[in-house]
N, C-alpha and C. Protein backbone atom coordinates (compact mmCIF):
# COMPACT_ATOMS: atom_id res chain seq x y z
N MET A 1 -2.54 64.97 -2.26
CA MET A 1 -3.43 64.75 -1.14
C MET A 1 -3.49 63.26 -0.81
N ASN A 2 -3.38 62.93 0.46
CA ASN A 2 -3.48 61.55 0.90
C ASN A 2 -4.94 61.14 1.02
N VAL A 3 -5.20 59.93 0.59
CA VAL A 3 -6.53 59.34 0.69
C VAL A 3 -6.37 58.04 1.46
N LYS A 4 -7.29 57.77 2.38
CA LYS A 4 -7.18 56.52 3.13
C LYS A 4 -8.53 55.82 3.25
N ILE A 5 -8.44 54.51 3.40
CA ILE A 5 -9.63 53.70 3.65
C ILE A 5 -9.94 53.81 5.13
N ILE A 6 -11.15 54.26 5.44
CA ILE A 6 -11.56 54.48 6.83
C ILE A 6 -12.03 53.19 7.49
N THR A 7 -12.78 52.37 6.76
CA THR A 7 -13.29 51.12 7.32
C THR A 7 -13.58 50.12 6.21
N VAL A 8 -13.68 48.88 6.59
CA VAL A 8 -14.07 47.80 5.69
C VAL A 8 -15.15 47.00 6.41
N ALA A 9 -16.22 46.69 5.70
CA ALA A 9 -17.31 45.90 6.29
C ALA A 9 -17.60 44.72 5.37
N LYS A 10 -17.93 43.60 5.98
CA LYS A 10 -18.20 42.39 5.22
C LYS A 10 -19.59 41.89 5.57
N GLN A 11 -20.29 41.38 4.55
CA GLN A 11 -21.59 40.76 4.77
C GLN A 11 -21.64 39.46 3.98
N LEU A 12 -21.75 38.35 4.67
CA LEU A 12 -21.85 37.06 4.00
C LEU A 12 -23.30 36.76 3.67
N PRO A 13 -23.53 36.00 2.60
CA PRO A 13 -24.90 35.58 2.28
C PRO A 13 -25.44 34.64 3.36
N ARG A 14 -26.74 34.43 3.35
CA ARG A 14 -27.38 33.66 4.42
C ARG A 14 -27.16 32.16 4.33
N TYR A 15 -26.77 31.65 3.18
CA TYR A 15 -26.57 30.21 3.04
C TYR A 15 -25.08 29.87 3.09
N SER A 16 -24.77 28.77 3.77
CA SER A 16 -23.40 28.26 3.75
C SER A 16 -23.47 26.74 3.86
N CYS A 17 -22.42 26.11 3.36
CA CYS A 17 -22.40 24.65 3.33
C CYS A 17 -20.94 24.19 3.29
N ALA A 18 -20.64 23.14 4.04
CA ALA A 18 -19.30 22.56 3.96
C ALA A 18 -19.15 21.91 2.59
N THR A 19 -17.97 22.03 2.02
CA THR A 19 -17.73 21.46 0.69
C THR A 19 -18.02 19.97 0.68
N VAL A 20 -17.68 19.26 1.75
CA VAL A 20 -17.93 17.83 1.82
C VAL A 20 -19.43 17.51 1.70
N ASP A 21 -20.28 18.43 2.14
CA ASP A 21 -21.73 18.22 2.04
C ASP A 21 -22.28 18.55 0.65
N ILE A 22 -21.47 19.22 -0.15
CA ILE A 22 -21.89 19.55 -1.51
C ILE A 22 -21.67 18.37 -2.46
N LEU A 23 -20.70 17.54 -2.16
CA LEU A 23 -20.33 16.44 -3.06
C LEU A 23 -21.51 15.53 -3.42
N PRO A 24 -22.38 15.14 -2.48
CA PRO A 24 -23.54 14.31 -2.86
C PRO A 24 -24.48 15.04 -3.84
N LEU A 25 -24.57 16.36 -3.72
CA LEU A 25 -25.40 17.12 -4.65
C LEU A 25 -24.81 17.08 -6.06
N LEU A 26 -23.49 17.01 -6.14
CA LEU A 26 -22.85 16.89 -7.45
C LEU A 26 -23.26 15.60 -8.15
N ASP A 27 -23.36 14.52 -7.38
CA ASP A 27 -23.77 13.24 -7.97
C ASP A 27 -25.13 13.36 -8.65
N ILE A 28 -26.04 14.02 -7.99
CA ILE A 28 -27.39 14.21 -8.55
C ILE A 28 -27.33 15.14 -9.76
N TRP A 29 -26.63 16.24 -9.60
CA TRP A 29 -26.55 17.27 -10.64
C TRP A 29 -25.88 16.75 -11.91
N LEU A 30 -24.83 15.95 -11.73
CA LEU A 30 -24.05 15.48 -12.86
C LEU A 30 -24.54 14.14 -13.42
N HIS A 31 -25.63 13.61 -12.89
CA HIS A 31 -26.16 12.33 -13.35
C HIS A 31 -26.36 12.36 -14.87
N GLY A 32 -25.84 11.33 -15.53
CA GLY A 32 -25.99 11.22 -16.97
C GLY A 32 -24.86 11.86 -17.77
N GLN A 33 -23.95 12.56 -17.10
CA GLN A 33 -22.81 13.16 -17.79
C GLN A 33 -21.72 12.11 -18.00
N GLU A 34 -20.77 12.41 -18.85
CA GLU A 34 -19.66 11.50 -19.10
C GLU A 34 -18.85 11.29 -17.82
N PRO A 35 -18.44 10.05 -17.54
CA PRO A 35 -17.67 9.77 -16.32
C PRO A 35 -16.41 10.64 -16.18
N ARG A 36 -15.74 10.89 -17.28
CA ARG A 36 -14.52 11.72 -17.23
C ARG A 36 -14.86 13.15 -16.79
N PHE A 37 -15.96 13.68 -17.29
CA PHE A 37 -16.40 15.03 -16.91
C PHE A 37 -16.75 15.08 -15.43
N ILE A 38 -17.48 14.06 -14.96
CA ILE A 38 -17.87 13.98 -13.54
C ILE A 38 -16.62 13.97 -12.66
N LYS A 39 -15.64 13.16 -13.05
CA LYS A 39 -14.40 13.06 -12.28
C LYS A 39 -13.69 14.41 -12.20
N LYS A 40 -13.65 15.15 -13.31
CA LYS A 40 -12.99 16.46 -13.32
C LYS A 40 -13.69 17.45 -12.40
N ILE A 41 -15.01 17.48 -12.47
CA ILE A 41 -15.77 18.42 -11.64
C ILE A 41 -15.58 18.09 -10.16
N LYS A 42 -15.67 16.82 -9.81
CA LYS A 42 -15.50 16.42 -8.40
C LYS A 42 -14.09 16.75 -7.91
N LYS A 43 -13.12 16.55 -8.77
CA LYS A 43 -11.73 16.86 -8.41
C LYS A 43 -11.56 18.35 -8.12
N LEU A 44 -12.24 19.19 -8.90
CA LEU A 44 -12.19 20.63 -8.66
C LEU A 44 -12.73 20.98 -7.27
N PHE A 45 -13.86 20.40 -6.92
CA PHE A 45 -14.45 20.68 -5.61
C PHE A 45 -13.60 20.12 -4.47
N GLU A 46 -13.15 18.87 -4.62
CA GLU A 46 -12.39 18.22 -3.56
C GLU A 46 -11.01 18.84 -3.36
N GLY A 47 -10.40 19.31 -4.43
CA GLY A 47 -9.04 19.84 -4.35
C GLY A 47 -8.95 21.34 -4.18
N SER A 48 -10.05 21.99 -3.96
CA SER A 48 -10.06 23.46 -3.91
C SER A 48 -9.50 24.04 -2.62
N ALA A 49 -9.42 23.24 -1.57
CA ALA A 49 -8.98 23.70 -0.24
C ALA A 49 -9.97 24.70 0.36
N VAL A 50 -11.19 24.72 -0.16
CA VAL A 50 -12.25 25.57 0.40
C VAL A 50 -13.12 24.66 1.27
N GLU A 51 -13.10 24.91 2.57
CA GLU A 51 -13.85 24.06 3.49
C GLU A 51 -15.33 24.41 3.55
N ARG A 52 -15.65 25.69 3.47
CA ARG A 52 -17.04 26.15 3.57
C ARG A 52 -17.30 27.13 2.45
N ARG A 53 -18.47 26.98 1.83
CA ARG A 53 -18.86 27.86 0.73
C ARG A 53 -20.11 28.63 1.13
N TYR A 54 -20.13 29.89 0.73
CA TYR A 54 -21.26 30.76 1.03
C TYR A 54 -21.99 31.06 -0.27
N ALA A 55 -23.31 31.16 -0.19
CA ALA A 55 -24.09 31.31 -1.42
C ALA A 55 -25.34 32.15 -1.17
N ILE A 56 -25.85 32.71 -2.25
CA ILE A 56 -27.08 33.51 -2.17
C ILE A 56 -28.33 32.65 -2.30
N MET A 57 -28.13 31.35 -2.49
CA MET A 57 -29.26 30.44 -2.58
C MET A 57 -28.89 29.12 -1.91
N ASP A 58 -29.89 28.37 -1.54
CA ASP A 58 -29.68 27.06 -0.93
C ASP A 58 -28.87 26.19 -1.89
N PRO A 59 -27.92 25.39 -1.38
CA PRO A 59 -27.11 24.55 -2.27
C PRO A 59 -27.94 23.66 -3.20
N ARG A 60 -29.10 23.20 -2.73
CA ARG A 60 -29.94 22.38 -3.61
C ARG A 60 -30.45 23.19 -4.80
N GLU A 61 -30.72 24.47 -4.57
CA GLU A 61 -31.13 25.37 -5.66
C GLU A 61 -30.01 25.57 -6.66
N VAL A 62 -28.79 25.71 -6.13
CA VAL A 62 -27.63 25.93 -6.99
C VAL A 62 -27.50 24.80 -7.99
N PHE A 63 -27.70 23.57 -7.51
CA PHE A 63 -27.51 22.40 -8.36
C PHE A 63 -28.81 21.90 -8.98
N THR A 64 -29.77 22.77 -9.13
CA THR A 64 -31.01 22.47 -9.83
C THR A 64 -30.96 23.12 -11.20
N ALA A 65 -31.46 22.43 -12.18
CA ALA A 65 -31.46 22.99 -13.53
C ALA A 65 -32.39 24.19 -13.58
N THR A 66 -31.81 25.36 -13.56
CA THR A 66 -32.57 26.61 -13.67
C THR A 66 -31.94 27.45 -14.76
N SER A 67 -32.73 28.32 -15.30
CA SER A 67 -32.23 29.18 -16.38
C SER A 67 -31.34 30.28 -15.81
N PHE A 68 -30.57 30.89 -16.68
CA PHE A 68 -29.76 32.04 -16.27
C PHE A 68 -30.67 33.14 -15.72
N GLU A 69 -31.81 33.34 -16.37
CA GLU A 69 -32.74 34.39 -15.93
C GLU A 69 -33.22 34.15 -14.50
N GLU A 70 -33.56 32.90 -14.19
CA GLU A 70 -34.02 32.58 -12.83
C GLU A 70 -32.94 32.84 -11.79
N LYS A 71 -31.71 32.41 -12.09
CA LYS A 71 -30.62 32.64 -11.14
C LYS A 71 -30.26 34.12 -11.07
N ASN A 72 -30.35 34.81 -12.18
CA ASN A 72 -30.04 36.24 -12.17
C ASN A 72 -31.08 37.02 -11.35
N ASN A 73 -32.33 36.57 -11.38
CA ASN A 73 -33.36 37.21 -10.55
C ASN A 73 -33.02 37.06 -9.06
N VAL A 74 -32.53 35.88 -8.68
CA VAL A 74 -32.09 35.68 -7.29
C VAL A 74 -30.91 36.61 -7.01
N TYR A 75 -29.98 36.69 -7.95
CA TYR A 75 -28.82 37.58 -7.79
C TYR A 75 -29.28 39.02 -7.55
N CYS A 76 -30.19 39.52 -8.36
CA CYS A 76 -30.65 40.91 -8.22
C CYS A 76 -31.23 41.16 -6.83
N ARG A 77 -32.05 40.25 -6.38
CA ARG A 77 -32.67 40.39 -5.05
C ARG A 77 -31.62 40.34 -3.94
N GLU A 78 -30.76 39.34 -3.99
CA GLU A 78 -29.80 39.12 -2.90
C GLU A 78 -28.64 40.11 -2.95
N ALA A 79 -28.21 40.52 -4.12
CA ALA A 79 -27.11 41.50 -4.22
C ALA A 79 -27.53 42.82 -3.59
N THR A 80 -28.77 43.19 -3.79
CA THR A 80 -29.29 44.43 -3.19
C THR A 80 -29.28 44.32 -1.66
N VAL A 81 -29.72 43.18 -1.14
CA VAL A 81 -29.73 42.97 0.31
C VAL A 81 -28.31 42.99 0.87
N LEU A 82 -27.40 42.24 0.25
CA LEU A 82 -26.02 42.18 0.74
C LEU A 82 -25.33 43.53 0.64
N GLY A 83 -25.52 44.22 -0.48
CA GLY A 83 -24.91 45.53 -0.65
C GLY A 83 -25.39 46.52 0.39
N GLU A 84 -26.69 46.51 0.64
CA GLU A 84 -27.25 47.42 1.64
C GLU A 84 -26.73 47.08 3.04
N GLN A 85 -26.70 45.81 3.39
CA GLN A 85 -26.22 45.41 4.72
C GLN A 85 -24.75 45.80 4.91
N ALA A 86 -23.93 45.57 3.90
CA ALA A 86 -22.50 45.91 4.00
C ALA A 86 -22.31 47.42 4.11
N LEU A 87 -23.03 48.19 3.30
CA LEU A 87 -22.89 49.65 3.35
C LEU A 87 -23.38 50.19 4.69
N ARG A 88 -24.49 49.66 5.19
CA ARG A 88 -24.99 50.11 6.51
C ARG A 88 -23.95 49.84 7.61
N LYS A 89 -23.34 48.65 7.57
CA LYS A 89 -22.31 48.32 8.55
C LYS A 89 -21.15 49.32 8.48
N ALA A 90 -20.70 49.59 7.26
CA ALA A 90 -19.57 50.52 7.08
C ALA A 90 -19.92 51.91 7.59
N LEU A 91 -21.12 52.38 7.27
CA LEU A 91 -21.54 53.70 7.73
C LEU A 91 -21.64 53.75 9.26
N GLU A 92 -22.14 52.68 9.87
CA GLU A 92 -22.22 52.63 11.33
C GLU A 92 -20.82 52.65 11.95
N GLN A 93 -19.89 51.91 11.36
CA GLN A 93 -18.52 51.86 11.88
C GLN A 93 -17.84 53.23 11.82
N THR A 94 -18.15 54.01 10.80
CA THR A 94 -17.53 55.33 10.66
C THR A 94 -18.30 56.43 11.37
N GLY A 95 -19.57 56.15 11.67
CA GLY A 95 -20.43 57.18 12.25
C GLY A 95 -20.93 58.18 11.21
N TRP A 96 -20.81 57.81 9.95
CA TRP A 96 -21.25 58.70 8.87
C TRP A 96 -22.74 58.53 8.62
N ASP A 97 -23.38 59.63 8.27
CA ASP A 97 -24.76 59.63 7.83
C ASP A 97 -24.77 59.23 6.35
N PRO A 98 -25.72 58.41 5.92
CA PRO A 98 -25.78 58.05 4.49
C PRO A 98 -25.81 59.27 3.57
N GLN A 99 -26.41 60.35 4.03
CA GLN A 99 -26.50 61.58 3.23
C GLN A 99 -25.14 62.26 3.05
N SER A 100 -24.15 61.85 3.82
CA SER A 100 -22.83 62.49 3.73
C SER A 100 -21.97 61.92 2.61
N LEU A 101 -22.43 60.83 1.98
CA LEU A 101 -21.65 60.24 0.89
C LEU A 101 -21.77 61.10 -0.37
N ASP A 102 -20.64 61.27 -1.04
CA ASP A 102 -20.60 62.05 -2.28
C ASP A 102 -20.45 61.18 -3.51
N TYR A 103 -19.95 59.96 -3.32
CA TYR A 103 -19.59 59.10 -4.44
C TYR A 103 -19.87 57.66 -4.05
N ILE A 104 -20.59 56.93 -4.88
CA ILE A 104 -20.86 55.52 -4.62
C ILE A 104 -20.41 54.71 -5.83
N ILE A 105 -19.59 53.72 -5.55
CA ILE A 105 -19.10 52.82 -6.59
C ILE A 105 -19.57 51.42 -6.22
N THR A 106 -20.26 50.76 -7.12
CA THR A 106 -20.66 49.38 -6.89
C THR A 106 -19.90 48.50 -7.86
N VAL A 107 -19.49 47.34 -7.37
CA VAL A 107 -18.66 46.43 -8.14
C VAL A 107 -19.31 45.05 -8.14
N SER A 108 -19.51 44.49 -9.32
CA SER A 108 -19.98 43.11 -9.42
C SER A 108 -19.85 42.62 -10.86
N CYS A 109 -19.46 41.37 -10.98
CA CYS A 109 -19.40 40.78 -12.32
C CYS A 109 -20.14 39.44 -12.37
N THR A 110 -20.96 39.16 -11.35
CA THR A 110 -21.63 37.86 -11.29
C THR A 110 -23.14 37.95 -11.52
N GLY A 111 -23.61 39.08 -11.97
CA GLY A 111 -25.02 39.23 -12.29
C GLY A 111 -25.23 40.50 -13.09
N ILE A 112 -26.40 40.60 -13.66
CA ILE A 112 -26.74 41.77 -14.48
C ILE A 112 -27.94 42.46 -13.85
N MET A 113 -27.78 43.74 -13.58
CA MET A 113 -28.88 44.53 -13.00
C MET A 113 -29.05 45.82 -13.80
N ILE A 114 -30.26 46.06 -14.23
CA ILE A 114 -30.59 47.33 -14.87
C ILE A 114 -31.91 47.78 -14.27
N PRO A 115 -31.97 48.89 -13.54
CA PRO A 115 -30.84 49.74 -13.19
C PRO A 115 -29.84 48.99 -12.33
N SER A 116 -28.64 49.54 -12.24
CA SER A 116 -27.55 48.87 -11.55
C SER A 116 -27.69 48.94 -10.03
N LEU A 117 -26.87 48.17 -9.34
CA LEU A 117 -26.93 48.05 -7.89
C LEU A 117 -26.87 49.40 -7.19
N ASP A 118 -26.05 50.31 -7.67
CA ASP A 118 -25.93 51.62 -7.03
C ASP A 118 -27.27 52.36 -7.00
N ALA A 119 -28.03 52.27 -8.07
CA ALA A 119 -29.34 52.94 -8.13
C ALA A 119 -30.28 52.38 -7.06
N TYR A 120 -30.28 51.06 -6.90
CA TYR A 120 -31.11 50.45 -5.86
C TYR A 120 -30.69 50.91 -4.47
N LEU A 121 -29.37 50.95 -4.24
CA LEU A 121 -28.87 51.37 -2.92
C LEU A 121 -29.19 52.83 -2.64
N ILE A 122 -29.09 53.67 -3.64
CA ILE A 122 -29.42 55.10 -3.47
C ILE A 122 -30.87 55.23 -3.01
N ASN A 123 -31.76 54.51 -3.65
CA ASN A 123 -33.18 54.60 -3.28
C ASN A 123 -33.49 53.93 -1.95
N LYS A 124 -32.96 52.73 -1.72
CA LYS A 124 -33.26 52.00 -0.47
C LYS A 124 -32.71 52.71 0.75
N MET A 125 -31.52 53.31 0.60
CA MET A 125 -30.87 53.93 1.75
C MET A 125 -31.07 55.44 1.80
N LYS A 126 -31.86 55.94 0.87
CA LYS A 126 -32.17 57.37 0.81
C LYS A 126 -30.91 58.23 0.76
N LEU A 127 -29.97 57.81 -0.12
CA LEU A 127 -28.77 58.60 -0.34
C LEU A 127 -29.16 59.84 -1.15
N ARG A 128 -28.28 60.82 -1.16
CA ARG A 128 -28.58 62.05 -1.90
C ARG A 128 -28.80 61.74 -3.38
N GLN A 129 -29.72 62.45 -3.98
CA GLN A 129 -30.02 62.24 -5.40
C GLN A 129 -28.93 62.80 -6.31
N ASP A 130 -28.06 63.66 -5.77
CA ASP A 130 -26.97 64.21 -6.58
C ASP A 130 -25.65 63.47 -6.36
N ILE A 131 -25.71 62.32 -5.68
CA ILE A 131 -24.50 61.54 -5.44
C ILE A 131 -23.90 61.10 -6.78
N VAL A 132 -22.59 61.15 -6.88
CA VAL A 132 -21.92 60.67 -8.09
C VAL A 132 -21.88 59.15 -7.99
N ARG A 133 -22.28 58.48 -9.06
CA ARG A 133 -22.36 57.02 -9.01
C ARG A 133 -21.58 56.40 -10.16
N LEU A 134 -21.00 55.24 -9.86
CA LEU A 134 -20.25 54.50 -10.87
C LEU A 134 -20.45 53.00 -10.66
N PRO A 135 -21.20 52.34 -11.54
CA PRO A 135 -21.28 50.88 -11.47
C PRO A 135 -20.10 50.29 -12.26
N VAL A 136 -19.33 49.42 -11.61
CA VAL A 136 -18.20 48.76 -12.26
C VAL A 136 -18.61 47.31 -12.48
N THR A 137 -18.79 46.94 -13.74
CA THR A 137 -19.28 45.59 -14.06
C THR A 137 -18.44 44.97 -15.17
N GLU A 138 -18.58 43.67 -15.31
CA GLU A 138 -17.94 42.90 -16.37
C GLU A 138 -16.42 43.08 -16.44
N MET A 139 -15.78 43.34 -15.30
CA MET A 139 -14.33 43.48 -15.27
C MET A 139 -13.64 42.28 -14.63
N GLY A 140 -14.42 41.32 -14.15
CA GLY A 140 -13.83 40.15 -13.53
C GLY A 140 -13.14 40.47 -12.21
N CYS A 141 -12.11 39.72 -11.92
CA CYS A 141 -11.44 39.81 -10.61
C CYS A 141 -10.80 41.16 -10.34
N VAL A 142 -10.47 41.90 -11.37
CA VAL A 142 -9.81 43.20 -11.18
C VAL A 142 -10.79 44.30 -10.79
N ALA A 143 -12.07 44.03 -10.86
CA ALA A 143 -13.08 45.07 -10.63
C ALA A 143 -13.00 45.69 -9.24
N GLY A 144 -12.79 44.89 -8.21
CA GLY A 144 -12.71 45.43 -6.86
C GLY A 144 -11.57 46.42 -6.70
N VAL A 145 -10.41 46.05 -7.21
CA VAL A 145 -9.25 46.96 -7.16
C VAL A 145 -9.53 48.20 -8.00
N SER A 146 -10.15 48.01 -9.14
CA SER A 146 -10.50 49.16 -9.99
C SER A 146 -11.43 50.11 -9.26
N GLY A 147 -12.41 49.57 -8.55
CA GLY A 147 -13.32 50.41 -7.77
C GLY A 147 -12.59 51.25 -6.75
N ILE A 148 -11.62 50.65 -6.07
CA ILE A 148 -10.82 51.39 -5.08
C ILE A 148 -10.00 52.48 -5.77
N ILE A 149 -9.43 52.17 -6.92
CA ILE A 149 -8.65 53.17 -7.66
C ILE A 149 -9.54 54.32 -8.11
N TYR A 150 -10.74 54.01 -8.60
CA TYR A 150 -11.66 55.08 -9.02
C TYR A 150 -12.01 55.97 -7.83
N ALA A 151 -12.25 55.36 -6.67
CA ALA A 151 -12.56 56.15 -5.47
C ALA A 151 -11.39 57.03 -5.08
N LYS A 152 -10.18 56.48 -5.11
CA LYS A 152 -8.98 57.26 -4.77
C LYS A 152 -8.84 58.45 -5.71
N ASN A 153 -9.00 58.23 -7.00
CA ASN A 153 -8.86 59.32 -7.97
C ASN A 153 -9.92 60.40 -7.74
N PHE A 154 -11.16 59.99 -7.47
CA PHE A 154 -12.23 60.95 -7.20
C PHE A 154 -11.91 61.77 -5.96
N LEU A 155 -11.49 61.10 -4.90
CA LEU A 155 -11.22 61.79 -3.64
C LEU A 155 -10.01 62.71 -3.73
N GLN A 156 -9.00 62.32 -4.49
CA GLN A 156 -7.85 63.20 -4.67
C GLN A 156 -8.23 64.46 -5.45
N ALA A 157 -9.14 64.31 -6.39
CA ALA A 157 -9.58 65.45 -7.20
C ALA A 157 -10.63 66.30 -6.47
N ASN A 158 -11.22 65.77 -5.42
CA ASN A 158 -12.30 66.45 -4.69
C ASN A 158 -12.05 66.36 -3.19
N PRO A 159 -11.08 67.12 -2.67
CA PRO A 159 -10.77 67.06 -1.23
C PRO A 159 -12.00 67.32 -0.37
N GLY A 160 -12.08 66.58 0.73
CA GLY A 160 -13.18 66.75 1.67
C GLY A 160 -14.42 65.94 1.34
N LYS A 161 -14.41 65.23 0.22
CA LYS A 161 -15.56 64.41 -0.18
C LYS A 161 -15.43 63.01 0.41
N ARG A 162 -16.53 62.27 0.38
CA ARG A 162 -16.57 60.91 0.91
C ARG A 162 -17.05 59.94 -0.17
N ALA A 163 -16.45 58.75 -0.17
CA ALA A 163 -16.80 57.74 -1.16
C ALA A 163 -17.03 56.40 -0.48
N ALA A 164 -17.86 55.58 -1.09
CA ALA A 164 -18.08 54.20 -0.64
C ALA A 164 -17.93 53.28 -1.85
N VAL A 165 -17.19 52.20 -1.66
CA VAL A 165 -17.05 51.17 -2.68
C VAL A 165 -17.74 49.93 -2.12
N ILE A 166 -18.73 49.43 -2.85
CA ILE A 166 -19.48 48.25 -2.42
C ILE A 166 -19.28 47.16 -3.46
N ALA A 167 -18.63 46.07 -3.08
CA ALA A 167 -18.41 44.94 -3.99
C ALA A 167 -19.30 43.78 -3.57
N VAL A 168 -20.09 43.28 -4.50
CA VAL A 168 -20.96 42.13 -4.23
C VAL A 168 -20.71 41.11 -5.33
N GLU A 169 -20.17 39.98 -4.94
CA GLU A 169 -19.94 38.90 -5.90
C GLU A 169 -20.68 37.66 -5.42
N ALA A 170 -21.43 37.05 -6.31
CA ALA A 170 -22.23 35.87 -5.97
C ALA A 170 -22.09 34.84 -7.08
N PRO A 171 -20.95 34.14 -7.13
CA PRO A 171 -20.72 33.21 -8.23
C PRO A 171 -21.73 32.08 -8.35
N THR A 172 -22.43 31.75 -7.26
CA THR A 172 -23.44 30.70 -7.36
C THR A 172 -24.55 31.09 -8.33
N ALA A 173 -24.73 32.37 -8.55
CA ALA A 173 -25.76 32.82 -9.49
C ALA A 173 -25.38 32.52 -10.93
N THR A 174 -24.11 32.21 -11.16
CA THR A 174 -23.66 31.95 -12.54
C THR A 174 -23.48 30.46 -12.81
N PHE A 175 -23.74 29.63 -11.82
CA PHE A 175 -23.50 28.20 -11.92
C PHE A 175 -24.51 27.55 -12.85
N GLN A 176 -24.06 27.07 -14.00
CA GLN A 176 -24.95 26.45 -14.99
C GLN A 176 -24.34 25.15 -15.49
N LEU A 177 -25.17 24.18 -15.72
CA LEU A 177 -24.75 22.94 -16.36
C LEU A 177 -25.44 22.89 -17.71
N GLU A 178 -24.64 22.98 -18.75
CA GLU A 178 -25.21 22.92 -20.10
C GLU A 178 -25.56 21.47 -20.42
N ILE A 179 -26.83 21.23 -20.67
CA ILE A 179 -27.29 19.88 -21.00
C ILE A 179 -27.73 19.87 -22.46
N GLY A 180 -27.21 18.90 -23.20
CA GLY A 180 -27.63 18.75 -24.59
C GLY A 180 -26.84 19.45 -25.55
């Protein structure tokens, strides 16, 4: 049985900043670090060929000393918003009712959510309570492709069913400077 991707929807976070505007924040953030370390970090940012960066938090927040827990709380809040917005866009593009989904796969390796993102989306979007769900986490860069493969396998085994794969990655939530 052939399986095909019907639509793709993208949702960017609300914050964005030109990389050149981030460099002064690095000076503040890296103050007191070894000069060699500062040079390496700046070289990474300057040489990345990324002109604009998108984030789930204001750039000043990213470069503020906050705990993993504080940043993960932002991740949980914003990942739910981004996931819902992306899924709503995809459903609108296809003309599908949220209740018509049979399988939901959420993909993320940049935050920890318990319950996982799929559970939040099921409740927020009033998806069916018997929907098959699969959170794909801690797989790194391969997770998105894995999510698509899982959806393909499910759909091939269950003709006539519908699946959604929602990938939300927010690396700014993992940005930490170890001091001391």
